[in-house]
PDB file of N, CA and C in Angstrom:
ATOM      1  N   MET A   1      -9.734   6.151  72.575  1.00  0.00           N
ATOM      2  CA  MET A   1      -8.468   6.880  72.667  1.00  0.00           C
ATOM      3  C   MET A   1      -7.236   6.212  73.617  1.00  0.00           C
ATOM      4  N   VAL A   2      -5.998   5.753  72.790  1.00  0.00           N
ATOM      5  CA  VAL A   2      -5.237   5.664  73.451  1.00  0.00           C
ATOM      6  C   VAL A   2      -4.556   6.543  74.438  1.00  0.00           C
ATOM      7  N   LYS A   3      -4.186   6.251  75.568  1.00  0.00           N
ATOM      8  CA  LYS A   3      -3.580   7.326  76.588  1.00  0.00           C
ATOM      9  C   LYS A   3      -2.080   6.720  76.322  1.00  0.00           C
ATOM     10  N   ILE A   4      -1.429   8.109  76.166  1.00  0.00           N
ATOM     11  CA  ILE A   4      -0.009   7.650  75.950  1.00  0.00           C
ATOM     12  C   ILE A   4       0.741   8.506  77.533  1.00  0.00           C
ATOM     13  N   SER A   5       1.728   7.891  78.046  1.00  0.00           N
ATOM     14  CA  SER A   5       2.427   8.881  79.025  1.00  0.00           C
ATOM     15  C   SER A   5       3.471   9.326  78.456  1.00  0.00           C
ATOM     16  N   LYS A   6       3.994  10.320  79.200  1.00  0.00           N
ATOM     17  CA  LYS A   6       4.957  11.525  78.415  1.00  0.00           C
ATOM     18  C   LYS A   6       6.114  10.931  78.064  1.00  0.00           C
ATOM     19  N   LYS A   7       6.692   9.777  78.902  1.00  0.00           N
ATOM     20  CA  LYS A   7       7.970   8.712  78.567  1.00  0.00           C
ATOM     21  C   LYS A   7       7.609   8.326  77.310  1.00  0.00           C
ATOM     22  N   ASP A   8       6.326   7.678  76.780  1.00  0.00           N
ATOM     23  CA  ASP A   8       5.893   6.954  75.533  1.00  0.00           C
ATOM     24  C   ASP A   8       5.777   7.859  74.590  1.00  0.00           C
ATOM     25  N   LYS A   9       5.879   9.307  74.822  1.00  0.00           N
ATOM     26  CA  LYS A   9       4.982   9.990  73.758  1.00  0.00           C
ATOM     27  C   LYS A   9       5.576   9.765  72.614  1.00  0.00           C
ATOM     28  N   LEU A  10       4.885   9.585  71.245  1.00  0.00           N
ATOM     29  CA  LEU A  10       5.018   9.259  69.638  1.00  0.00           C
ATOM     30  C   LEU A  10       5.455  10.656  69.359  1.00  0.00           C
ATOM     31  N   THR A  11       6.778  10.555  68.525  1.00  0.00           N
ATOM     32  CA  THR A  11       6.989  11.856  67.395  1.00  0.00           C
ATOM     33  C   THR A  11       6.059  12.023  66.644  1.00  0.00           C
ATOM     34  N   GLU A  12       5.823  13.276  66.186  1.00  0.00           N
ATOM     35  CA  GLU A  12       4.825  13.563  64.939  1.00  0.00           C
ATOM     36  C   GLU A  12       4.768  12.659  64.027  1.00  0.00           C
ATOM     37  N   ASP A  13       6.114  12.400  63.478  1.00  0.00           N
ATOM     38  CA  ASP A  13       5.904  11.298  62.454  1.00  0.00           C
ATOM     39  C   ASP A  13       5.354  10.115  62.431  1.00  0.00           C
ATOM     40  N   GLU A  14       5.541   9.750  63.805  1.00  0.00           N
ATOM     41  CA  GLU A  14       4.951   8.227  64.199  1.00  0.00           C
ATOM     42  C   GLU A  14       3.637   8.405  64.454  1.00  0.00           C
ATOM     43  N   VAL A  15       3.192   9.601  64.882  1.00  0.00           N
ATOM     44  CA  VAL A  15       1.718   9.838  64.854  1.00  0.00           C
ATOM     45  C   VAL A  15       0.927  10.031  63.612  1.00  0.00           C
ATOM     46  N   ILE A  16       1.607  10.657  62.566  1.00  0.00           N
ATOM     47  CA  ILE A  16       1.412  10.678  61.055  1.00  0.00           C
ATOM     48  C   ILE A  16       0.899   9.048  60.588  1.00  0.00           C
ATOM     49  N   GLY A  17       1.887   8.548  60.688  1.00  0.00           N
ATOM     50  CA  GLY A  17       2.431   7.229  60.491  1.00  0.00           C
ATOM     51  C   GLY A  17       1.344   6.590  60.449  1.00  0.00           C
ATOM     52  N   ILE A  18       0.607   6.439  61.933  1.00  0.00           N
ATOM     53  CA  ILE A  18      -0.097   5.536  62.428  1.00  0.00           C
ATOM     54  C   ILE A  18      -1.726   5.894  61.821  1.00  0.00           C
ATOM     55  N   VAL A  19      -1.602   7.345  61.842  1.00  0.00           N
ATOM     56  CA  VAL A  19      -3.193   7.846  61.444  1.00  0.00           C
ATOM     57  C   VAL A  19      -3.360   7.211  60.123  1.00  0.00           C
ATOM     58  N   ALA A  20      -2.105   7.473  58.917  1.00  0.00           N
ATOM     59  CA  ALA A  20      -2.342   7.159  57.470  1.00  0.00           C
ATOM     60  C   ALA A  20      -2.368   5.483  57.529  1.00  0.00           C
ATOM     61  N   ASN A  21      -1.857   4.759  58.322  1.00  0.00           N
ATOM     62  CA  ASN A  21      -2.092   3.354  58.340  1.00  0.00           C
ATOM     63  C   ASN A  21      -3.345   2.923  58.499  1.00  0.00           C
ATOM     64  N   ASN A  22      -4.256   3.758  59.576  1.00  0.00           N
ATOM     65  CA  ASN A  22      -5.728   3.582  59.956  1.00  0.00           C
ATOM     66  C   ASN A  22      -6.631   3.971  59.092  1.00  0.00           C
ATOM     67  N   LEU A  23      -6.245   5.315  58.160  1.00  0.00           N
ATOM     68  CA  LEU A  23      -7.107   5.392  57.313  1.00  0.00           C
ATOM     69  C   LEU A  23      -7.104   4.565  55.909  1.00  0.00           C
ATOM     70  N   LYS A  24      -5.925   4.184  55.928  1.00  0.00           N
ATOM     71  CA  LYS A  24      -5.787   3.082  54.503  1.00  0.00           C
ATOM     72  C   LYS A  24      -6.556   1.856  54.633  1.00  0.00           C
ATOM     73  N   LYS A  25      -6.354   1.164  56.343  1.00  0.00           N
ATOM     74  CA  LYS A  25      -7.151   0.032  56.698  1.00  0.00           C
ATOM     75  C   LYS A  25      -8.691   0.459  56.502  1.00  0.00           C
ATOM     76  N   LEU A  26      -9.303   1.632  56.697  1.00  0.00           N
ATOM     77  CA  LEU A  26     -10.562   1.978  56.738  1.00  0.00           C
ATOM     78  C   LEU A  26     -11.001   1.763  55.440  1.00  0.00           C
ATOM     79  N   GLU A  27     -10.353   2.511  54.594  1.00  0.00           N
ATOM     80  CA  GLU A  27     -10.697   2.411  53.007  1.00  0.00           C
ATOM     81  C   GLU A  27     -10.727   1.075  52.469  1.00  0.00           C
ATOM     82  N   GLU A  28      -9.878   0.292  52.857  1.00  0.00           N
ATOM     83  CA  GLU A  28      -9.598  -0.935  52.419  1.00  0.00           C
ATOM     84  C   GLU A  28     -10.909  -1.580  52.789  1.00  0.00           C
ATOM     85  N   SER A  29     -11.372  -1.654  54.176  1.00  0.00           N
ATOM     86  CA  SER A  29     -12.453  -2.039  54.580  1.00  0.00           C
ATOM     87  C   SER A  29     -13.949  -1.822  54.029  1.00  0.00           C
ATOM     88  N   LEU A  30     -13.864  -0.554  53.743  1.00  0.00           N
ATOM     89  CA  LEU A  30     -15.002   0.162  53.199  1.00  0.00           C
ATOM     90  C   LEU A  30     -14.940  -0.121  51.634  1.00  0.00           C
ATOM     91  N   ASP A  31     -13.863  -0.739  50.626  1.00  0.00           N
ATOM     92  CA  ASP A  31     -14.025  -1.289  49.588  1.00  0.00           C
ATOM     93  C   ASP A  31     -14.728  -2.792  49.614  1.00  0.00           C
ATOM     94  N   ILE A  32     -14.570  -3.285  50.700  1.00  0.00           N
ATOM     95  CA  ILE A  32     -15.434  -4.990  50.706  1.00  0.00           C
ATOM     96  C   ILE A  32     -16.946  -4.486  50.548  1.00  0.00           C
ATOM     97  N   PHE A  33     -17.095  -3.716  50.710  1.00  0.00           N
ATOM     98  CA  PHE A  33     -18.897  -3.141  50.947  1.00  0.00           C
ATOM     99  C   PHE A  33     -19.330  -2.314  49.453  1.00  0.00           C
TER     100      PHE A  33
END
């Protein structure tokens, strides 16, 4: 887990975007197998 200090707190939209990107990368890596 990445710790985020309050001053660096991401907006909800940014968090959703990061999660979506990670899921997309995960799906792409699973497609290799």
